[in-house]
C-alpha atoms as a PDB file:
ATOM      1  CA  MET A   1      15.516  55.056 -22.242  1.00  0.00           C
ATOM      2  CA  VAL A   2      14.239  52.713 -24.750  1.00  0.00           C
ATOM      3  CA  GLU A   3      15.045  49.560 -23.161  1.00  0.00           C
ATOM      4  CA  HIS A   4      12.173  50.511 -20.340  1.00  0.00           C
ATOM      5  CA  ALA A   5      10.008  51.105 -22.892  1.00  0.00           C
ATOM      6  CA  GLN A   6      10.317  47.402 -24.892  1.00  0.00           C
ATOM      7  CA  LEU A   7      10.467  45.636 -21.283  1.00  0.00           C
ATOM      8  CA  LEU A   8       7.476  47.095 -20.451  1.00  0.00           C
ATOM      9  CA  ASN A   9       5.272  46.890 -23.741  1.00  0.00           C
ATOM     10  CA  LYS A  10       6.071  43.018 -23.830  1.00  0.00           C
ATOM     11  CA  TYR A  11       5.766  42.119 -20.265  1.00  0.00           C
ATOM     12  CA  ALA A  12       2.775  44.064 -19.334  1.00  0.00           C
ATOM     13  CA  SER A  13       0.841  41.498 -21.383  1.00  0.00           C
ATOM     14  CA  GLU A  14      -1.962  39.541 -19.325  1.00  0.00           C
ATOM     15  CA  VAL A  15      -0.245  36.260 -20.675  1.00  0.00           C
ATOM     16  CA  TYR A  16       2.095  36.561 -18.531  1.00  0.00           C
ATOM     17  CA  SER A  17       0.120  37.157 -15.144  1.00  0.00           C
ATOM     18  CA  MET A  18      -0.070  33.541 -15.038  1.00  0.00           C
ATOM     19  CA  TYR A  19       3.548  33.241 -13.407  1.00  0.00           C
ATOM     20  CA  SER A  20       2.262  35.616 -10.553  1.00  0.00           C
ATOM     21  CA  GLN A  21       1.514  34.572  -6.991  1.00  0.00           C
ATOM     22  CA  THR A  22       1.870  37.583  -5.576  1.00  0.00           C
ATOM     23  CA  ILE A  23      -0.221  40.382  -7.834  1.00  0.00           C
ATOM     24  CA  SER A  24      -4.137  39.916  -8.139  1.00  0.00           C
ATOM     25  CA  GLU A  25      -5.487  40.333 -11.637  1.00  0.00           C
ATOM     26  CA  ASN A  26      -6.967  44.005 -11.479  1.00  0.00           C
ATOM     27  CA  GLU A  27      -3.451  45.042 -10.203  1.00  0.00           C
ATOM     28  CA  TRP A  28      -1.888  43.540 -12.628  1.00  0.00           C
ATOM     29  CA  GLY A  29      -0.232  45.554 -15.586  1.00  0.00           C
ATOM     30  CA  ASN A  30       0.487  48.736 -13.685  1.00  0.00           C
ATOM     31  CA  LYS A  31       3.381  50.373 -16.049  1.00  0.00           C
ATOM     32  CA  SER A  32       3.808  53.314 -13.590  1.00  0.00           C
ATOM     33  CA  VAL A  33       4.989  51.274 -11.066  1.00  0.00           C
ATOM     34  CA  ALA A  34       6.992  49.090 -13.142  1.00  0.00           C
ATOM     35  CA  LEU A  35       8.616  52.017 -14.815  1.00  0.00           C
ATOM     36  CA  GLU A  36       9.693  53.590 -11.683  1.00  0.00           C
ATOM     37  CA  TYR A  37      10.824  50.259 -10.351  1.00  0.00           C
ATOM     38  CA  LEU A  38      13.207  50.105 -13.730  1.00  0.00           C
ATOM     39  CA  LYS A  39      14.553  53.214 -13.271  1.00  0.00           C
ATOM     40  CA  LYS A  40      15.968  52.463  -9.592  1.00  0.00           C
ATOM     41  CA  TYR A  41      17.034  48.701 -10.833  1.00  0.00           C
ATOM     42  CA  TYR A  42      17.539  48.154 -14.110  1.00  0.00           C
ATOM     43  CA  LEU A  43      21.621  47.907 -15.452  1.00  0.00           C
ATOM     44  CA  SER A  44      22.677  50.082 -18.777  1.00  0.00           C
ATOM     45  CA  ASN A  45      24.285  47.764 -21.130  1.00  0.00           C
ATOM     46  CA  GLU A  46      27.125  50.882 -20.834  1.00  0.00           C
ATOM     47  CA  ASP A  47      27.486  50.303 -17.673  1.00  0.00           C
ATOM     48  CA  TYR A  48      27.792  46.293 -17.243  1.00  0.00           C
ATOM     49  CA  LEU A  49      29.926  46.233 -20.160  1.00  0.00           C
ATOM     50  CA  LYS A  50      32.317  48.542 -18.529  1.00  0.00           C
ATOM     51  CA  LYS A  51      31.996  47.356 -15.237  1.00  0.00           C
ATOM     52  CA  TRP A  52      30.005  44.101 -14.203  1.00  0.00           C
ATOM     53  CA  LYS A  53      30.457  41.910 -17.655  1.00  0.00           C
ATOM     54  CA  PRO A  54      34.217  41.551 -16.446  1.00  0.00           C
ATOM     55  CA  ILE A  55      33.359  40.358 -13.355  1.00  0.00           C
ATOM     56  CA  GLN A  56      30.577  38.058 -14.158  1.00  0.00           C
ATOM     57  CA  ASN A  57      33.394  36.887 -16.736  1.00  0.00           C
ATOM     58  CA  THR A  58      35.956  35.721 -13.745  1.00  0.00           C
ATOM     59  CA  ILE A  59      32.805  33.391 -12.158  1.00  0.00           C
ATOM     60  CA  PHE A  60      31.153  31.893 -15.309  1.00  0.00           C
ATOM     61  CA  LYS A  61      32.119  30.597 -18.428  1.00  0.00           C
ATOM     62  CA  ASN A  62      29.532  29.074 -21.436  1.00  0.00           C
ATOM     63  CA  GLN A  63      27.743  31.774 -20.956  1.00  0.00           C
ATOM     64  CA  ASP A  64      26.054  31.532 -24.232  1.00  0.00           C
ATOM     65  CA  LYS A  65      25.201  27.819 -23.142  1.00  0.00           C
ATOM     66  CA  GLY A  66      23.095  26.666 -20.217  1.00  0.00           C
ATOM     67  CA  LEU A  67      23.372  23.244 -18.872  1.00  0.00           C
ATOM     68  CA  PRO A  68      24.403  20.197 -19.200  1.00  0.00           C
ATOM     69  CA  ASP A  69      27.832  22.554 -19.781  1.00  0.00           C
ATOM     70  CA  VAL A  70      30.059  23.544 -17.068  1.00  0.00           C
ATOM     71  CA  MET A  71      28.987  27.254 -16.157  1.00  0.00           C
ATOM     72  CA  PHE A  72      31.570  28.082 -13.880  1.00  0.00           C
ATOM     73  CA  LYS A  73      35.272  28.931 -13.939  1.00  0.00           C
ATOM     74  CA  ASP A  74      37.526  25.804 -12.808  1.00  0.00           C
ATOM     75  CA  ASP A  75      38.496  27.445  -9.490  1.00  0.00           C
ATOM     76  CA  PHE A  76      35.039  27.555  -7.613  1.00  0.00           C
ATOM     77  CA  SER A  77      33.739  24.863  -5.555  1.00  0.00           C
ATOM     78  CA  LEU A  78      30.188  24.656  -6.409  1.00  0.00           C
ATOM     79  CA  LEU A  79      26.508  23.083  -4.852  1.00  0.00           C
ATOM     80  CA  ALA A  80      23.084  22.294  -5.886  1.00  0.00           C
ATOM     81  CA  ILE A  81      20.041  23.056  -4.748  1.00  0.00           C
ATOM     82  CA  ARG A  82      16.385  23.003  -6.420  1.00  0.00           C
ATOM     83  CA  GLY A  83      15.782  25.374  -8.871  1.00  0.00           C
ATOM     84  CA  GLY A  84      12.319  26.254 -10.773  1.00  0.00           C
ATOM     85  CA  ILE A  85      12.627  30.222 -10.662  1.00  0.00           C
ATOM     86  CA  LEU A  86      14.478  32.675  -9.311  1.00  0.00           C
ATOM     87  CA  PHE A  87      14.590  33.144  -5.989  1.00  0.00           C
ATOM     88  CA  GLU A  88      11.855  31.727  -3.141  1.00  0.00           C
ATOM     89  CA  LYS A  89      12.088  34.256  -0.541  1.00  0.00           C
ATOM     90  CA  ASP A  90      14.244  31.892   1.897  1.00  0.00           C
ATOM     91  CA  ASP A  91      16.780  31.537  -0.577  1.00  0.00           C
ATOM     92  CA  PHE A  92      17.152  34.818  -1.615  1.00  0.00           C
ATOM     93  CA  GLU A  93      17.497  35.918   1.772  1.00  0.00           C
ATOM     94  CA  ASN A  94      20.090  33.010   3.020  1.00  0.00           C
ATOM     95  CA  LEU A  95      22.032  34.245  -0.201  1.00  0.00           C
ATOM     96  CA  GLN A  96      21.806  37.719   1.972  1.00  0.00           C
ATOM     97  CA  ASN A  97      23.597  36.337   4.556  1.00  0.00           C
ATOM     98  CA  CYS A  98      26.475  34.561   2.407  1.00  0.00           C
ATOM     99  CA  ILE A  99      26.780  37.987   0.642  1.00  0.00           C
ATOM    100  CA  GLU A 100      27.188  40.316   4.275  1.00  0.00           C
ATOM    101  CA  GLU A 101      30.008  37.698   5.185  1.00  0.00           C
ATOM    102  CA  VAL A 102      31.713  37.746   1.540  1.00  0.00           C
ATOM    103  CA  GLY A 103      31.375  41.808   2.544  1.00  0.00           C
ATOM    104  CA  ASP A 104      29.716  42.362  -1.094  1.00  0.00           C
ATOM    105  CA  THR A 105      26.977  45.337  -1.508  1.00  0.00           C
ATOM    106  CA  LYS A 106      25.752  44.861  -4.843  1.00  0.00           C
ATOM    107  CA  LEU A 107      23.614  41.792  -6.368  1.00  0.00           C
ATOM    108  CA  ILE A 108      23.458  41.695 -10.031  1.00  0.00           C
ATOM    109  CA  ILE A 109      21.542  39.654 -12.128  1.00  0.00           C
ATOM    110  CA  VAL A 110      21.512  39.198 -15.635  1.00  0.00           C
ATOM    111  CA  GLN A 111      19.222  36.852 -18.440  1.00  0.00           C
ATOM    112  CA  ASN A 112      21.128  34.543 -19.531  1.00  0.00           C
ATOM    113  CA  ASP A 113      20.503  35.361 -23.863  1.00  0.00           C
ATOM    114  CA  TYR A 114      22.276  32.625 -25.216  1.00  0.00           C
ATOM    115  CA  GLY A 115      24.359  35.017 -27.190  1.00  0.00           C
ATOM    116  CA  ARG A 116      21.436  35.600 -29.493  1.00  0.00           C
ATOM    117  CA  LYS A 117      20.059  39.135 -30.395  1.00  0.00           C
ATOM    118  CA  LEU A 118      16.517  39.072 -28.740  1.00  0.00           C
ATOM    119  CA  LYS A 119      13.302  41.257 -29.321  1.00  0.00           C
ATOM    120  CA  VAL A 120      13.329  42.634 -25.870  1.00  0.00           C
ATOM    121  CA  PRO A 121      16.859  43.428 -24.127  1.00  0.00           C
ATOM    122  CA  PRO A 122      17.695  40.668 -21.533  1.00  0.00           C
ATOM    123  CA  PHE A 123      17.191  41.827 -17.765  1.00  0.00           C
ATOM    124  CA  ARG A 124      19.919  43.190 -16.267  1.00  0.00           C
ATOM    125  CA  MET A 125      19.378  44.563 -12.591  1.00  0.00           C
ATOM    126  CA  ILE A 126      21.504  45.749 -10.230  1.00  0.00           C
ATOM    127  CA  TYR A 127      20.152  45.650  -6.363  1.00  0.00           C
ATOM    128  CA  PRO A 128      21.729  46.763  -3.135  1.00  0.00           C
ATOM    129  CA  SER A 129      22.413  43.555  -1.361  1.00  0.00           C
ATOM    130  CA  ASP A 130      20.703  44.519   1.337  1.00  0.00           C
ATOM    131  CA  ILE A 131      17.216  44.985  -0.315  1.00  0.00           C
ATOM    132  CA  THR A 132      14.216  43.703   1.238  1.00  0.00           C
ATOM    133  CA  TRP A 133      11.844  41.000  -0.444  1.00  0.00           C
ATOM    134  CA  GLU A 134       8.820  42.984  -0.202  1.00  0.00           C
ATOM    135  CA  GLU A 135      11.235  46.182  -2.306  1.00  0.00           C
ATOM    136  CA  LEU A 136      12.991  42.942  -4.741  1.00  0.00           C
ATOM    137  CA  MET A 137       8.655  42.084  -5.425  1.00  0.00           C
ATOM    138  CA  SER A 138       7.389  45.681  -5.805  1.00  0.00           C
ATOM    139  CA  GLY A 139       7.885  46.403  -9.540  1.00  0.00           C
ATOM    140  CA  ASN A 140       4.502  44.795 -10.433  1.00  0.00           C
ATOM    141  CA  PHE A 141       4.624  42.637 -13.482  1.00  0.00           C
ATOM    142  CA  ILE A 142       8.880  43.356 -13.523  1.00  0.00           C
ATOM    143  CA  SER A 143       9.614  41.726 -10.643  1.00  0.00           C
ATOM    144  CA  THR A 144       6.875  38.860 -11.618  1.00  0.00           C
ATOM    145  CA  THR A 145       9.008  37.992 -15.190  1.00  0.00           C
ATOM    146  CA  ILE A 146      12.158  37.999 -13.565  1.00  0.00           C
ATOM    147  CA  PHE A 147      11.673  36.081  -9.781  1.00  0.00           C
ATOM    148  CA  GLU A 148       8.455  34.235 -10.367  1.00  0.00           C
ATOM    149  CA  MET A 149       8.360  33.300 -14.246  1.00  0.00           C
ATOM    150  CA  PHE A 150      10.474  30.228 -14.691  1.00  0.00           C
ATOM    151  CA  ALA A 151      11.046  30.099 -18.745  1.00  0.00           C
ATOM    152  CA  ASN A 152      14.102  32.104 -18.098  1.00  0.00           C
ATOM    153  CA  GLU A 153      17.449  31.615 -16.835  1.00  0.00           C
ATOM    154  CA  TYR A 154      19.982  33.921 -14.798  1.00  0.00           C
ATOM    155  CA  PHE A 155      23.774  34.688 -13.815  1.00  0.00           C
ATOM    156  CA  VAL A 156      23.673  36.059 -10.327  1.00  0.00           C
ATOM    157  CA  PHE A 157      26.680  37.787  -9.043  1.00  0.00           C
ATOM    158  CA  SER A 158      28.172  40.627  -7.006  1.00  0.00           C
ATOM    159  CA  GLU A 159      31.075  43.385  -7.122  1.00  0.00           C
ATOM    160  CA  SER A 160      33.455  41.010  -5.697  1.00  0.00           C
ATOM    161  CA  GLY A 161      33.613  38.129  -8.214  1.00  0.00           C
ATOM    162  CA  SER A 162      34.128  35.463  -5.348  1.00  0.00           C
ATOM    163  CA  TRP A 163      30.889  33.573  -5.727  1.00  0.00           C
ATOM    164  CA  GLY A 164      27.431  33.419  -8.548  1.00  0.00           C
ATOM    165  CA  LYS A 165      24.600  31.625  -8.834  1.00  0.00           C
ATOM    166  CA  TYR A 166      23.117  30.053 -12.392  1.00  0.00           C
ATOM    167  CA  SER A 167      19.501  29.517 -12.224  1.00  0.00           C
ATOM    168  CA  ALA A 168      18.978  27.239 -14.442  1.00  0.00           C
ATOM    169  CA  ASN A 169      14.963  27.376 -14.579  1.00  0.00           C
ATOM    170  CA  ASP A 170      14.382  25.931 -18.321  1.00  0.00           C
ATOM    171  CA  TYR A 171      16.737  22.873 -17.706  1.00  0.00           C
ATOM    172  CA  GLU A 172      14.701  19.222 -17.705  1.00  0.00           C
ATOM    173  CA  HIS A 173      15.036  19.288 -13.985  1.00  0.00           C
ATOM    174  CA  PRO A 174      15.380  22.477 -12.954  1.00  0.00           C
ATOM    175  CA  LEU A 175      18.393  23.453 -10.241  1.00  0.00           C
ATOM    176  CA  ASP A 176      20.233  26.671  -9.112  1.00  0.00           C
ATOM    177  CA  LEU A 177      24.259  26.342  -9.145  1.00  0.00           C
ATOM    178  CA  ILE A 178      25.989  28.108  -6.707  1.00  0.00           C
ATOM    179  CA  GLY A 179      29.553  28.449  -6.995  1.00  0.00           C
ATOM    180  CA  PHE A 180      32.165  30.391  -4.393  1.00  0.00           C
ATOM    181  CA  LYS A 181      35.839  30.368  -3.979  1.00  0.00           C
ATOM    182  CA  PRO A 182      36.913  27.694  -1.562  1.00  0.00           C
ATOM    183  CA  GLU A 183      37.536  29.760   1.405  1.00  0.00           C
ATOM    184  CA  TYR A 184      33.698  30.853   1.633  1.00  0.00           C
ATOM    185  CA  ALA A 185      32.573  26.683   1.667  1.00  0.00           C
ATOM    186  CA  SER A 186      31.538  27.025   5.136  1.00  0.00           C
ATOM    187  CA  VAL A 187      29.926  30.392   4.255  1.00  0.00           C
ATOM    188  CA  PHE A 188      27.232  28.838   1.586  1.00  0.00           C
ATOM    189  CA  LYS A 189      26.965  25.208   3.210  1.00  0.00           C
ATOM    190  CA  LYS A 190      25.736  26.636   5.852  1.00  0.00           C
ATOM    191  CA  GLN A 191      23.423  28.745   4.721  1.00  0.00           C
ATOM    192  CA  PHE A 192      22.378  25.977   1.756  1.00  0.00           C
ATOM    193  CA  LYS A 193      22.433  22.900   4.147  1.00  0.00           C
ATOM    194  CA  GLN A 194      19.925  20.368   2.461  1.00  0.00           C
ATOM    195  CA  PRO A 195      18.177  17.441   4.409  1.00  0.00           C
ATOM    196  CA  GLN A 196      20.216  14.316   3.122  1.00  0.00           C
ATOM    197  CA  GLU A 197      16.707  12.882   1.164  1.00  0.00           C
ATOM    198  CA  GLU A 198      17.034  16.148  -0.575  1.00  0.00           C
ATOM    199  CA  TRP A 199      20.038  15.582  -1.936  1.00  0.00           C
ATOM    200  CA  ASP A 200      20.083  12.261  -2.855  1.00  0.00           C
ATOM    201  CA  GLU A 201      17.184  13.773  -5.485  1.00  0.00           C
ATOM    202  CA  ILE A 202      19.326  16.520  -6.630  1.00  0.00           C
ATOM    203  CA  LYS A 203      22.486  13.885  -6.994  1.00  0.00           C
ATOM    204  CA  GLU A 204      19.951  12.043  -9.612  1.00  0.00           C
ATOM    205  CA  TRP A 205      19.086  15.291 -11.613  1.00  0.00           C
ATOM    206  CA  LEU A 206      22.592  16.547 -11.911  1.00  0.00           C
ATOM    207  CA  PRO A 207      24.178  16.180 -15.184  1.00  0.00           C
ATOM    208  CA  ILE A 208      27.151  14.004 -15.510  1.00  0.00           C
ATOM    209  CA  LYS A 209      29.665  16.607 -15.909  1.00  0.00           C
ATOM    210  CA  TYR A 210      28.628  18.381 -12.237  1.00  0.00           C
ATOM    211  CA  LYS A 211      28.337  14.566 -10.617  1.00  0.00           C
ATOM    212  CA  GLU A 212      32.015  14.621 -10.565  1.00  0.00           C
ATOM    213  CA  LEU A 213      32.654  18.389  -9.517  1.00  0.00           C
ATOM    214  CA  ILE A 214      29.634  18.410  -6.724  1.00  0.00           C
ATOM    215  CA  LYS A 215      29.860  15.670  -3.717  1.00  0.00           C
END
């Protein structure tokens, strides 16, 4: 698949190894492992446009932009946590708990390309929602690029369209914004409960438009 080859050729570069906290220098760049990972979890453009983009469009707006614009449709309640990379292990498992309560079975991750044609395809990944952290991180440099690199921003959602996450890693103060239908507020607020001191700091980081939406 052409998209696989483009991603492998770009991200196998040792330039990206600086982001890895899990792969040794000797292990980096294993294209066979990375290819098998892409074969299992990469979402083709055809399937994305046919099935998943319409769901994404019900959750997110301003999809060719990023913060400080509001990224969620008006019928979503929001919370914000510290960002920087797509997932820390604890945050990922907290989100999995939310997904289980919502009743979804898929986890979709789509890189924000800001409406531009990129030299390589954006990451579009589809995982079972109960995937283990170890399996998520098993793709060698592909996993590092998606989950440990702090340059890209992502839309995260699943099949119900009842929730979404926008990972604003490249914003001046990196934030994870999580949106959910009001009926799931208790589910998400329970899993992403924050100490008051942390929330006070995040409030200072929020763009003005979000300060009106997140109390």
